[in-house]
């Protein structure tokens, strides 16, 4: 969602968020690479840093005080994005683990005692939507089959047969 918002503002900004502003460096008199001073920057260098500032603004605008305190020392949009990803566990490994956990919940899904059909279906839809957001899409045919054959209690057998 944040990706779409940033791309909607300016397509190049997402590259700045994911790749960084591509540091503007120079070789000093000792032959060591150091950041350029503002006076040494070309128009292109300044454009990169302007894009970085816009990307930072978009990332920071919706943050509350707790989130802001996490990222206030970050100097680039990439640093902010990486910090927020880590804070909200959006790393690829965590996504994979979360998808595995949710899929296990899907496999073991049952209607709970005293639960209405609507409540059960809402829980089921929430679970499958979370799986989809993590890249694990369960085809509609499989979801319907699961509900009809393995989720509904035995008291629904006559209705399932009718369906």
Protein backbone atom coordinates (compact mmCIF):
# COMPACT_ATOMS: atom_id res chain seq x y z
CA UNK A 1 0.00 0.00 0.00
CA UNK A 2 2.79 2.43 0.90
CA UNK A 3 4.58 1.42 -2.31
CA UNK A 4 1.53 2.37 -4.39
CA UNK A 5 1.17 5.69 -2.57
CA UNK A 6 4.80 6.63 -3.15
CA UNK A 7 4.77 5.50 -6.79
CA UNK A 8 1.58 7.52 -7.27
CA UNK A 9 3.45 10.64 -6.20
CA UNK A 10 6.54 10.01 -8.33
CA UNK A 11 7.63 6.68 -9.79
CA UNK A 12 11.33 7.33 -9.17
CA UNK A 13 10.73 7.82 -5.45
CA UNK A 14 10.17 4.11 -4.90
CA UNK A 15 13.63 3.42 -6.36
CA UNK A 16 15.05 5.90 -3.86
CA UNK A 17 13.22 4.11 -1.01
CA UNK A 18 14.42 0.65 -2.03
CA UNK A 19 17.88 1.47 -3.44
CA UNK A 20 18.84 4.68 -1.63
CA UNK A 21 19.66 8.05 -3.17
CA UNK A 22 22.93 6.66 -4.51
CA UNK A 23 25.41 8.55 -2.41
CA UNK A 24 27.13 11.42 -4.09
CA UNK A 25 30.81 10.72 -3.48
CA UNK A 26 34.12 12.16 -4.61
CA UNK A 27 37.78 11.21 -4.27
CA UNK A 28 39.68 13.55 -1.94
CA UNK A 29 43.35 14.60 -2.22
CA UNK A 30 44.44 11.46 -0.34
CA UNK A 31 42.60 9.24 -2.84
CA UNK A 32 39.85 8.30 -0.36
CA UNK A 33 36.19 8.30 -1.34
CA UNK A 34 34.23 10.83 0.77
CA UNK A 35 30.76 12.39 0.52
CA UNK A 36 30.58 15.49 -1.65
CA UNK A 37 29.91 18.82 0.00
CA UNK A 38 26.93 20.79 -1.27
CA UNK A 39 29.29 23.03 -3.23
CA UNK A 40 30.73 19.97 -5.03
CA UNK A 41 27.34 18.55 -6.01
CA UNK A 42 26.15 18.58 -9.61
CA UNK A 43 22.57 19.31 -10.59
CA UNK A 44 21.99 15.53 -10.87
CA UNK A 45 23.41 14.96 -7.36
CA UNK A 46 21.05 17.59 -5.95
CA UNK A 47 18.11 16.05 -7.81
CA UNK A 48 18.83 12.68 -6.16
CA UNK A 49 18.89 14.24 -2.71
CA UNK A 50 15.70 16.20 -3.48
CA UNK A 51 13.99 12.91 -4.42
CA UNK A 52 15.30 11.38 -1.18
CA UNK A 53 13.80 14.27 0.81
CA UNK A 54 10.41 13.81 -0.91
CA UNK A 55 10.46 10.06 -0.24
CA UNK A 56 11.37 10.67 3.42
CA UNK A 57 8.49 13.12 3.75
CA UNK A 58 6.01 10.61 2.35
CA UNK A 59 7.25 7.88 4.68
CA UNK A 60 7.27 10.07 7.79
CA UNK A 61 3.97 11.93 7.32
CA UNK A 62 1.72 9.19 8.69
CA UNK A 63 3.90 8.12 11.61
CA UNK A 64 2.93 8.54 15.24
CA UNK A 65 5.38 9.62 17.95
CA UNK A 66 6.54 6.07 18.75
CA UNK A 67 7.23 5.27 15.11
CA UNK A 68 8.92 8.60 14.56
CA UNK A 69 11.29 8.01 17.47
CA UNK A 70 12.44 4.81 15.72
CA UNK A 71 13.42 6.58 12.52
CA UNK A 72 14.36 10.11 13.59
CA UNK A 73 18.11 9.47 13.17
CA UNK A 74 17.73 7.98 9.68
CA UNK A 75 19.21 10.13 6.94
CA UNK A 76 17.78 8.43 3.86
CA UNK A 77 14.39 7.14 2.81
CA UNK A 78 15.98 3.70 2.40
CA UNK A 79 17.14 3.73 6.06
CA UNK A 80 13.63 4.75 7.18
CA UNK A 81 12.01 2.02 5.08
CA UNK A 82 14.40 -0.67 6.31
CA UNK A 83 13.89 0.42 9.94
CA UNK A 84 10.10 0.34 9.58
CA UNK A 85 10.23 -3.05 7.86
CA UNK A 86 12.30 -4.50 10.69
CA UNK A 87 10.03 -2.93 13.32
CA UNK A 88 6.95 -4.41 11.68
CA UNK A 89 8.62 -7.69 10.83
CA UNK A 90 8.23 -7.38 7.08
CA UNK A 91 11.49 -9.09 6.22
CA UNK A 92 11.23 -11.96 3.72
CA UNK A 93 12.10 -14.55 6.38
CA UNK A 94 9.39 -13.29 8.75
CA UNK A 95 6.83 -13.16 5.93
CA UNK A 96 7.65 -16.76 5.02
CA UNK A 97 7.36 -17.87 8.66
CA UNK A 98 4.09 -15.98 9.10
CA UNK A 99 2.67 -17.51 5.90
CA UNK A 100 3.63 -20.99 7.12
CA UNK A 101 1.97 -20.38 10.49
CA UNK A 102 -1.20 -19.02 8.86
CA UNK A 103 -1.33 -21.92 6.39
CA UNK A 104 -1.15 -24.36 9.31
CA UNK A 105 -4.08 -22.48 10.88
CA UNK A 106 -5.91 -22.78 7.55
CA UNK A 107 -5.25 -26.51 7.37
CA UNK A 108 -6.51 -27.01 10.95
CA UNK A 109 -9.44 -24.59 10.63
CA UNK A 110 -12.71 -25.79 12.20
CA UNK A 111 -15.97 -24.21 13.22
CA UNK A 112 -15.87 -23.46 16.93
CA UNK A 113 -18.51 -24.57 19.41
CA UNK A 114 -21.32 -22.01 19.61
CA UNK A 115 -20.03 -20.08 16.60
CA UNK A 116 -22.50 -18.95 13.93
CA UNK A 117 -21.92 -19.61 10.24
CA UNK A 118 -21.35 -15.88 9.70
CA UNK A 119 -18.75 -15.69 12.50
CA UNK A 120 -16.97 -18.79 11.18
CA UNK A 121 -16.98 -17.48 7.63
CA UNK A 122 -15.64 -14.08 8.75
CA UNK A 123 -12.76 -15.80 10.58
CA UNK A 124 -12.10 -18.00 7.55
CA UNK A 125 -12.13 -15.04 5.13
CA UNK A 126 -9.80 -13.04 7.37
CA UNK A 127 -7.37 -15.97 7.49
CA UNK A 128 -7.39 -16.53 3.72
CA UNK A 129 -7.03 -12.77 3.09
CA UNK A 130 -3.96 -12.62 5.33
CA UNK A 131 -2.50 -15.59 3.46
CA UNK A 132 -3.17 -13.84 0.16
CA UNK A 133 -1.43 -10.66 1.37
CA UNK A 134 1.64 -12.79 2.10
CA UNK A 135 1.57 -14.34 -1.38
CA UNK A 136 -0.13 -17.64 -0.48
CA UNK A 137 -3.30 -17.65 -2.59
CA UNK A 138 -5.81 -20.42 -2.00
CA UNK A 139 -8.12 -20.94 -4.99
CA UNK A 140 -11.83 -20.36 -4.39
CA UNK A 141 -12.62 -23.97 -5.33
CA UNK A 142 -10.33 -25.22 -2.55
CA UNK A 143 -11.79 -22.79 0.00
CA UNK A 144 -15.36 -23.84 -0.80
CA UNK A 145 -14.44 -27.53 -0.70
CA UNK A 146 -12.73 -27.07 2.66
CA UNK A 147 -15.76 -25.39 4.22
CA UNK A 148 -18.22 -27.91 2.81
CA UNK A 149 -16.23 -31.06 3.54
CA UNK A 150 -14.03 -30.37 6.56
CA UNK A 151 -15.15 -27.27 8.47
CA UNK A 152 -18.88 -27.49 8.97
CA UNK A 153 -20.02 -29.77 11.81
CA UNK A 154 -21.83 -33.08 11.19
CA UNK A 155 -25.16 -31.39 11.95
CA UNK A 156 -24.83 -29.62 8.58
CA UNK A 157 -24.46 -32.87 6.63
CA UNK A 158 -27.96 -32.81 5.10
CA UNK A 159 -27.54 -29.20 3.96
CA UNK A 160 -24.09 -29.96 2.48
CA UNK A 161 -25.54 -32.93 0.58
CA UNK A 162 -28.31 -30.70 -0.77
CA UNK A 163 -25.76 -28.15 -1.95
